[in-house]
Amino acid sequence: MKSDAEYKELSIREFTKAAEVYDSGHAGIYEMCRDDYPPILDELKKDDFQNLLDVGCGTGPMAELLASEFPDRRYTGLDLTPRMIEVATAKGIEGARFVVGDAEELPFGDASFDAVICANSFHHYPNPQAFFDGVARVLRPGGKLVPRDYTAPSTILWLMNHTEMPLANLVGHGDVRAYTLGEVRAFCTASGLVPATLEARKKFRLHLVARKPTGSEGERLQFGDI
């Protein structure tokens, strides 16, 4: 088993190369990520939000989509790979900024965001609980997390985690692990987030909507503080 640092270095190397083709029609396996964008958008249309954080934002395709749908909102994209952030920033998306950072150590102030999304990135995180804990901290009360990633029936999931992902590591990918719905529910519970929707959908996709319980609203920040 690789160390956390080794997994993250693999991801940086993988996505440094991927950044050059990520937005093209020749992105290979990364093109499947686009299937997650419409369901995330559908969830975001259900509630008002002003400040959104996209964790594992890549070259900013979700920020582009969201800025076209909601041009009056604010978007922050976070990615571990500097080259991804360079490509995203160069797009000049109105109302968006992009930051190099670790999903397990979110570099933002408490209660900075109304919504957090994460598209096909979570299976790269060596410490998933740290991600959920960080999201719970940076969400405002009543805010929601909407991640999409892999899941599958137990037998298939075992094969993914013990065969497919280790083989992917050998060829330079930073995949770590996919999770059952029960494991994801436990991550939510431990962080204080409450799952509103937790489903296994077509094409082995996990769909979660989790909310931070409403308490003292506090002061909503105009833009998430680094």
C-alpha atoms as a PDB file:
ATOM      1  CA  MET A   1       0.000   0.000   0.000  1.00  0.00           C
ATOM      2  CA  LYS A   2       1.271   3.441  -0.902  1.00  0.00           C
ATOM      3  CA  SER A   3       1.639   6.310   1.536  1.00  0.00           C
ATOM      4  CA  ASP A   4      -0.691   9.310   1.413  1.00  0.00           C
ATOM      5  CA  ALA A   5       2.091  11.409  -0.101  1.00  0.00           C
ATOM      6  CA  GLU A   6       2.726   8.812  -2.811  1.00  0.00           C
ATOM      7  CA  TYR A   7      -0.939   8.708  -3.814  1.00  0.00           C
ATOM      8  CA  LYS A   8      -1.046  12.492  -4.020  1.00  0.00           C
ATOM      9  CA  GLU A   9       2.149  12.666  -6.060  1.00  0.00           C
ATOM     10  CA  LEU A  10       0.693  10.150  -8.492  1.00  0.00           C
ATOM     11  CA  SER A  11      -2.410  12.325  -8.835  1.00  0.00           C
ATOM     12  CA  ILE A  12      -0.347  15.442  -9.499  1.00  0.00           C
ATOM     13  CA  ARG A  13       1.685  13.669 -12.169  1.00  0.00           C
ATOM     14  CA  GLU A  14      -1.418  12.158 -13.765  1.00  0.00           C
ATOM     15  CA  PHE A  15      -3.398  15.377 -13.919  1.00  0.00           C
ATOM     16  CA  THR A  16      -0.477  17.530 -14.981  1.00  0.00           C
ATOM     17  CA  LYS A  17      -0.534  15.501 -18.197  1.00  0.00           C
ATOM     18  CA  ALA A  18      -4.329  15.341 -18.308  1.00  0.00           C
ATOM     19  CA  ALA A  19      -4.655  19.134 -18.063  1.00  0.00           C
ATOM     20  CA  GLU A  20      -3.467  19.494 -21.652  1.00  0.00           C
ATOM     21  CA  VAL A  21      -6.359  17.435 -23.076  1.00  0.00           C
ATOM     22  CA  TYR A  22      -8.999  17.645 -20.326  1.00  0.00           C
ATOM     23  CA  ASP A  23     -11.259  20.072 -22.189  1.00  0.00           C
ATOM     24  CA  SER A  24     -10.794  18.493 -25.603  1.00  0.00           C
ATOM     25  CA  GLY A  25     -12.804  15.827 -27.339  1.00  0.00           C
ATOM     26  CA  HIS A  26      -9.817  13.538 -26.939  1.00  0.00           C
ATOM     27  CA  ALA A  27      -9.640  13.291 -23.142  1.00  0.00           C
ATOM     28  CA  GLY A  28     -10.071   9.524 -23.044  1.00  0.00           C
ATOM     29  CA  ILE A  29     -11.206   8.171 -19.678  1.00  0.00           C
ATOM     30  CA  TYR A  30     -11.648  11.695 -18.327  1.00  0.00           C
ATOM     31  CA  GLU A  31     -14.564  12.314 -20.675  1.00  0.00           C
ATOM     32  CA  MET A  32     -16.755  10.195 -18.386  1.00  0.00           C
ATOM     33  CA  CYS A  33     -16.465  12.947 -15.780  1.00  0.00           C
ATOM     34  CA  ARG A  34     -18.824  15.048 -17.893  1.00  0.00           C
ATOM     35  CA  ASP A  35     -21.668  12.650 -17.085  1.00  0.00           C
ATOM     36  CA  ASP A  36     -21.595  13.961 -13.521  1.00  0.00           C
ATOM     37  CA  TYR A  37     -22.084  17.628 -14.382  1.00  0.00           C
ATOM     38  CA  PRO A  38     -25.846  17.618 -15.225  1.00  0.00           C
ATOM     39  CA  PRO A  39     -26.906  15.790 -12.007  1.00  0.00           C
ATOM     40  CA  ILE A  40     -24.849  18.200  -9.908  1.00  0.00           C
ATOM     41  CA  LEU A  41     -26.349  21.157 -11.752  1.00  0.00           C
ATOM     42  CA  ASP A  42     -29.853  19.776 -11.159  1.00  0.00           C
ATOM     43  CA  GLU A  43     -29.204  19.625  -7.410  1.00  0.00           C
ATOM     44  CA  LEU A  44     -27.848  23.177  -7.322  1.00  0.00           C
ATOM     45  CA  LYS A  45     -30.959  24.502  -9.059  1.00  0.00           C
ATOM     46  CA  LYS A  46     -33.092  23.375  -6.108  1.00  0.00           C
ATOM     47  CA  ASP A  47     -31.709  25.919  -3.628  1.00  0.00           C
ATOM     48  CA  ASP A  48     -30.335  29.421  -3.763  1.00  0.00           C
ATOM     49  CA  PHE A  49     -26.588  29.789  -3.293  1.00  0.00           C
ATOM     50  CA  GLN A  50     -24.128  32.635  -3.635  1.00  0.00           C
ATOM     51  CA  ASN A  51     -20.687  31.174  -2.912  1.00  0.00           C
ATOM     52  CA  LEU A  52     -19.746  27.733  -4.219  1.00  0.00           C
ATOM     53  CA  LEU A  53     -16.599  25.659  -3.768  1.00  0.00           C
ATOM     54  CA  ASP A  54     -15.660  23.047  -6.385  1.00  0.00           C
ATOM     55  CA  VAL A  55     -13.191  20.568  -4.847  1.00  0.00           C
ATOM     56  CA  GLY A  56     -11.063  18.745  -7.413  1.00  0.00           C
ATOM     57  CA  CYS A  57     -12.105  21.341  -9.973  1.00  0.00           C
ATOM     58  CA  GLY A  58      -9.629  20.328 -12.675  1.00  0.00           C
ATOM     59  CA  THR A  59      -9.570  22.847 -15.520  1.00  0.00           C
ATOM     60  CA  GLY A  60     -12.793  24.464 -14.305  1.00  0.00           C
ATOM     61  CA  PRO A  61     -15.498  22.873 -16.493  1.00  0.00           C
ATOM     62  CA  MET A  62     -18.101  23.012 -13.725  1.00  0.00           C
ATOM     63  CA  ALA A  63     -17.306  26.671 -13.030  1.00  0.00           C
ATOM     64  CA  GLU A  64     -17.812  27.399 -16.739  1.00  0.00           C
ATOM     65  CA  LEU A  65     -21.147  25.600 -16.730  1.00  0.00           C
ATOM     66  CA  LEU A  66     -22.336  27.206 -13.514  1.00  0.00           C
ATOM     67  CA  ALA A  67     -21.214  30.699 -14.515  1.00  0.00           C
ATOM     68  CA  SER A  68     -23.311  30.400 -17.675  1.00  0.00           C
ATOM     69  CA  GLU A  69     -26.344  29.266 -15.654  1.00  0.00           C
ATOM     70  CA  PHE A  70     -25.863  31.571 -12.653  1.00  0.00           C
ATOM     71  CA  PRO A  71     -23.697  34.523 -13.759  1.00  0.00           C
ATOM     72  CA  ASP A  72     -24.368  36.488 -10.575  1.00  0.00           C
ATOM     73  CA  ARG A  73     -22.790  33.912  -8.221  1.00  0.00           C
ATOM     74  CA  ARG A  74     -19.237  33.429  -6.906  1.00  0.00           C
ATOM     75  CA  TYR A  75     -17.162  30.317  -7.597  1.00  0.00           C
ATOM     76  CA  THR A  76     -13.952  28.984  -6.079  1.00  0.00           C
ATOM     77  CA  GLY A  77     -12.170  26.008  -7.609  1.00  0.00           C
ATOM     78  CA  LEU A  78      -9.605  23.988  -5.656  1.00  0.00           C
ATOM     79  CA  ASP A  79      -7.261  21.407  -7.142  1.00  0.00           C
ATOM     80  CA  LEU A  80      -4.089  19.668  -5.995  1.00  0.00           C
ATOM     81  CA  THR A  81      -2.463  19.944  -9.425  1.00  0.00           C
ATOM     82  CA  PRO A  82      -0.946  23.361 -10.246  1.00  0.00           C
ATOM     83  CA  ARG A  83      -1.222  22.837 -14.006  1.00  0.00           C
ATOM     84  CA  MET A  84      -4.977  22.239 -13.717  1.00  0.00           C
ATOM     85  CA  ILE A  85      -5.317  25.544 -11.855  1.00  0.00           C
ATOM     86  CA  GLU A  86      -3.205  27.358 -14.452  1.00  0.00           C
ATOM     87  CA  VAL A  87      -5.470  26.161 -17.273  1.00  0.00           C
ATOM     88  CA  ALA A  88      -8.638  26.996 -15.310  1.00  0.00           C
ATOM     89  CA  THR A  89      -7.418  30.488 -14.392  1.00  0.00           C
ATOM     90  CA  ALA A  90      -6.457  31.249 -17.996  1.00  0.00           C
ATOM     91  CA  LYS A  91     -10.102  30.838 -19.024  1.00  0.00           C
ATOM     92  CA  GLY A  92     -10.996  34.085 -17.275  1.00  0.00           C
ATOM     93  CA  ILE A  93     -14.367  32.834 -16.026  1.00  0.00           C
ATOM     94  CA  GLU A  94     -16.376  35.743 -14.647  1.00  0.00           C
ATOM     95  CA  GLY A  95     -16.925  35.466 -10.898  1.00  0.00           C
ATOM     96  CA  ALA A  96     -14.527  32.530 -10.496  1.00  0.00           C
ATOM     97  CA  ARG A  97     -11.136  32.105  -8.894  1.00  0.00           C
ATOM     98  CA  PHE A  98      -8.945  29.024  -8.734  1.00  0.00           C
ATOM     99  CA  VAL A  99      -6.648  27.893  -5.932  1.00  0.00           C
ATOM    100  CA  VAL A 100      -3.999  25.179  -5.630  1.00  0.00           C
ATOM    101  CA  GLY A 101      -4.760  23.198  -2.495  1.00  0.00           C
ATOM    102  CA  ASP A 102      -5.437  19.874  -0.801  1.00  0.00           C
ATOM    103  CA  ALA A 103      -9.004  18.553  -0.494  1.00  0.00           C
ATOM    104  CA  GLU A 104      -8.072  17.098   2.899  1.00  0.00           C
ATOM    105  CA  GLU A 105      -6.862  20.479   4.216  1.00  0.00           C
ATOM    106  CA  LEU A 106      -9.281  23.017   2.769  1.00  0.00           C
ATOM    107  CA  PRO A 107      -7.580  26.438   2.965  1.00  0.00           C
ATOM    108  CA  PHE A 108     -10.726  28.474   3.613  1.00  0.00           C
ATOM    109  CA  GLY A 109     -12.392  30.109   6.555  1.00  0.00           C
ATOM    110  CA  ASP A 110     -15.274  28.637   8.531  1.00  0.00           C
ATOM    111  CA  ALA A 111     -18.761  29.019   7.010  1.00  0.00           C
ATOM    112  CA  SER A 112     -17.359  30.423   3.756  1.00  0.00           C
ATOM    113  CA  PHE A 113     -19.600  28.638   1.241  1.00  0.00           C
ATOM    114  CA  ASP A 114     -23.269  27.919   0.591  1.00  0.00           C
ATOM    115  CA  ALA A 115     -22.475  24.821  -1.481  1.00  0.00           C
ATOM    116  CA  VAL A 116     -19.585  22.448  -2.070  1.00  0.00           C
ATOM    117  CA  ILE A 117     -19.385  20.138  -5.080  1.00  0.00           C
ATOM    118  CA  CYS A 118     -16.941  17.382  -5.940  1.00  0.00           C
ATOM    119  CA  ALA A 119     -17.135  15.599  -9.307  1.00  0.00           C
ATOM    120  CA  ASN A 120     -15.287  12.310  -9.736  1.00  0.00           C
ATOM    121  CA  SER A 121     -12.422  13.360  -7.478  1.00  0.00           C
ATOM    122  CA  PHE A 122     -13.204  11.811  -4.080  1.00  0.00           C
ATOM    123  CA  HIS A 123     -11.725   8.388  -4.933  1.00  0.00           C
ATOM    124  CA  HIS A 124      -8.302  10.058  -5.116  1.00  0.00           C
ATOM    125  CA  TYR A 125      -8.324  11.125  -1.447  1.00  0.00           C
ATOM    126  CA  PRO A 126      -6.295   8.967   0.975  1.00  0.00           C
ATOM    127  CA  ASN A 127      -8.148  10.393   4.008  1.00  0.00           C
ATOM    128  CA  PRO A 128     -11.822  10.747   3.055  1.00  0.00           C
ATOM    129  CA  GLN A 129     -12.928  11.660   6.570  1.00  0.00           C
ATOM    130  CA  ALA A 130     -10.613  14.682   6.501  1.00  0.00           C
ATOM    131  CA  PHE A 131     -12.398  15.856   3.352  1.00  0.00           C
ATOM    132  CA  PHE A 132     -15.855  15.514   4.919  1.00  0.00           C
ATOM    133  CA  ASP A 133     -14.705  17.214   8.130  1.00  0.00           C
ATOM    134  CA  GLY A 134     -13.287  20.107   6.114  1.00  0.00           C
ATOM    135  CA  VAL A 135     -16.470  20.473   4.097  1.00  0.00           C
ATOM    136  CA  ALA A 136     -18.542  20.574   7.274  1.00  0.00           C
ATOM    137  CA  ARG A 137     -16.316  23.358   8.560  1.00  0.00           C
ATOM    138  CA  VAL A 138     -16.368  25.576   5.441  1.00  0.00           C
ATOM    139  CA  LEU A 139     -20.099  25.173   4.741  1.00  0.00           C
ATOM    140  CA  ARG A 140     -22.459  27.693   6.245  1.00  0.00           C
ATOM    141  CA  PRO A 141     -25.363  26.283   8.306  1.00  0.00           C
ATOM    142  CA  GLY A 142     -27.968  24.966   5.890  1.00  0.00           C
ATOM    143  CA  GLY A 143     -25.409  24.663   3.092  1.00  0.00           C
ATOM    144  CA  LYS A 144     -25.000  21.467   1.126  1.00  0.00           C
ATOM    145  CA  LEU A 145     -22.388  19.118  -0.249  1.00  0.00           C
ATOM    146  CA  VAL A 146     -22.997  17.450  -3.635  1.00  0.00           C
ATOM    147  CA  PRO A 147     -20.343  14.900  -4.626  1.00  0.00           C
ATOM    148  CA  ARG A 148     -20.490  12.336  -7.429  1.00  0.00           C
ATOM    149  CA  ASP A 149     -18.079   9.411  -7.614  1.00  0.00           C
ATOM    150  CA  TYR A 150     -17.778   5.658  -7.997  1.00  0.00           C
ATOM    151  CA  THR A 151     -19.682   3.015  -6.085  1.00  0.00           C
ATOM    152  CA  ALA A 152     -20.880  -0.501  -6.907  1.00  0.00           C
ATOM    153  CA  PRO A 153     -22.290  -3.697  -5.410  1.00  0.00           C
ATOM    154  CA  SER A 154     -19.899  -5.236  -2.897  1.00  0.00           C
ATOM    155  CA  THR A 155     -18.314  -7.834  -5.202  1.00  0.00           C
ATOM    156  CA  ILE A 156     -17.634  -5.357  -7.986  1.00  0.00           C
ATOM    157  CA  LEU A 157     -16.420  -2.767  -5.496  1.00  0.00           C
ATOM    158  CA  TRP A 158     -13.949  -5.284  -4.052  1.00  0.00           C
ATOM    159  CA  LEU A 159     -12.582  -5.929  -7.529  1.00  0.00           C
ATOM    160  CA  MET A 160     -12.307  -2.209  -8.203  1.00  0.00           C
ATOM    161  CA  ASN A 161     -10.416  -1.569  -4.978  1.00  0.00           C
ATOM    162  CA  HIS A 162      -8.168  -4.644  -5.038  1.00  0.00           C
ATOM    163  CA  THR A 163      -7.542  -5.076  -8.754  1.00  0.00           C
ATOM    164  CA  GLU A 164      -8.516  -2.144 -10.955  1.00  0.00           C
ATOM    165  CA  MET A 165      -7.179   0.687  -8.799  1.00  0.00           C
ATOM    166  CA  PRO A 166      -3.821  -0.968  -7.940  1.00  0.00           C
ATOM    167  CA  LEU A 167      -3.329  -1.647 -11.648  1.00  0.00           C
ATOM    168  CA  ALA A 168      -4.185   1.985 -12.345  1.00  0.00           C
ATOM    169  CA  ASN A 169      -1.499   3.012  -9.839  1.00  0.00           C
ATOM    170  CA  LEU A 170       1.072   0.959 -11.753  1.00  0.00           C
ATOM    171  CA  VAL A 171       0.407   2.951 -14.929  1.00  0.00           C
ATOM    172  CA  GLY A 172       0.562   6.300 -13.146  1.00  0.00           C
ATOM    173  CA  HIS A 173      -2.943   7.048 -11.863  1.00  0.00           C
ATOM    174  CA  GLY A 174      -3.613   8.343  -8.350  1.00  0.00           C
ATOM    175  CA  ASP A 175      -6.761   6.323  -7.599  1.00  0.00           C
ATOM    176  CA  VAL A 176      -7.063   5.259  -3.958  1.00  0.00           C
ATOM    177  CA  ARG A 177     -10.454   3.695  -3.175  1.00  0.00           C
ATOM    178  CA  ALA A 178     -14.174   3.684  -3.947  1.00  0.00           C
ATOM    179  CA  TYR A 179     -16.735   3.400  -1.155  1.00  0.00           C
ATOM    180  CA  THR A 180     -20.033   1.774  -0.296  1.00  0.00           C
ATOM    181  CA  LEU A 181     -23.088   3.880   0.482  1.00  0.00           C
ATOM    182  CA  GLY A 182     -22.771   2.788   4.100  1.00  0.00           C
ATOM    183  CA  GLU A 183     -19.195   4.029   4.316  1.00  0.00           C
ATOM    184  CA  VAL A 184     -20.151   7.371   2.822  1.00  0.00           C
ATOM    185  CA  ARG A 185     -23.040   7.690   5.253  1.00  0.00           C
ATOM    186  CA  ALA A 186     -20.580   7.064   8.093  1.00  0.00           C
ATOM    187  CA  PHE A 187     -18.258   9.806   6.796  1.00  0.00           C
ATOM    188  CA  CYS A 188     -21.207  12.206   6.824  1.00  0.00           C
ATOM    189  CA  THR A 189     -22.294  11.219  10.323  1.00  0.00           C
ATOM    190  CA  ALA A 190     -18.795  11.595  11.755  1.00  0.00           C
ATOM    191  CA  SER A 191     -18.456  15.075  10.237  1.00  0.00           C
ATOM    192  CA  GLY A 192     -21.887  16.273  11.368  1.00  0.00           C
ATOM    193  CA  LEU A 193     -23.344  16.457   7.856  1.00  0.00           C
ATOM    194  CA  VAL A 194     -26.797  14.966   7.298  1.00  0.00           C
ATOM    195  CA  PRO A 195     -27.415  12.929   4.106  1.00  0.00           C
ATOM    196  CA  ALA A 196     -30.598  14.065   2.364  1.00  0.00           C
ATOM    197  CA  THR A 197     -29.995  11.859  -0.690  1.00  0.00           C
ATOM    198  CA  LEU A 198     -27.569   8.948  -0.896  1.00  0.00           C
ATOM    199  CA  GLU A 199     -28.005   6.676  -3.899  1.00  0.00           C
ATOM    200  CA  ALA A 200     -26.243   4.291  -6.234  1.00  0.00           C
ATOM    201  CA  ARG A 201     -27.149   5.361  -9.761  1.00  0.00           C
ATOM    202  CA  LYS A 202     -26.447   4.122 -13.277  1.00  0.00           C
ATOM    203  CA  LYS A 203     -22.878   3.549 -14.479  1.00  0.00           C
ATOM    204  CA  PHE A 204     -21.652   2.766 -10.945  1.00  0.00           C
ATOM    205  CA  ARG A 205     -22.170   6.341  -9.783  1.00  0.00           C
ATOM    206  CA  LEU A 206     -22.602   7.453  -6.203  1.00  0.00           C
ATOM    207  CA  HIS A 207     -24.880  10.466  -5.774  1.00  0.00           C
ATOM    208  CA  LEU A 208     -24.920  12.269  -2.434  1.00  0.00           C
ATOM    209  CA  VAL A 209     -26.599  15.409  -1.195  1.00  0.00           C
ATOM    210  CA  ALA A 210     -25.659  16.174   2.410  1.00  0.00           C
ATOM    211  CA  ARG A 211     -26.543  19.253   4.446  1.00  0.00           C
ATOM    212  CA  LYS A 212     -24.947  21.056   7.341  1.00  0.00           C
ATOM    213  CA  PRO A 213     -27.585  21.397  10.052  1.00  0.00           C
ATOM    214  CA  THR A 214     -28.995  24.875  10.510  1.00  0.00           C
ATOM    215  CA  GLY A 215     -27.807  26.675  13.611  1.00  0.00           C
ATOM    216  CA  SER A 216     -26.674  30.220  14.130  1.00  0.00           C
ATOM    217  CA  GLU A 217     -26.362  31.582  10.620  1.00  0.00           C
ATOM    218  CA  GLY A 218     -23.532  33.936  11.467  1.00  0.00           C
ATOM    219  CA  GLU A 219     -22.179  36.293   8.885  1.00  0.00           C
ATOM    220  CA  ARG A 220     -22.199  34.938   5.330  1.00  0.00           C
ATOM    221  CA  LEU A 221     -18.954  35.760   3.594  1.00  0.00           C
ATOM    222  CA  GLN A 222     -19.118  37.346   0.173  1.00  0.00           C
ATOM    223  CA  PHE A 223     -16.181  35.262  -1.035  1.00  0.00           C
ATOM    224  CA  GLY A 224     -14.603  32.268   0.724  1.00  0.00           C
ATOM    225  CA  ASP A 225     -11.563  33.444   2.672  1.00  0.00           C
ATOM    226  CA  ILE A 226      -8.224  31.767   2.135  1.00  0.00           C
END
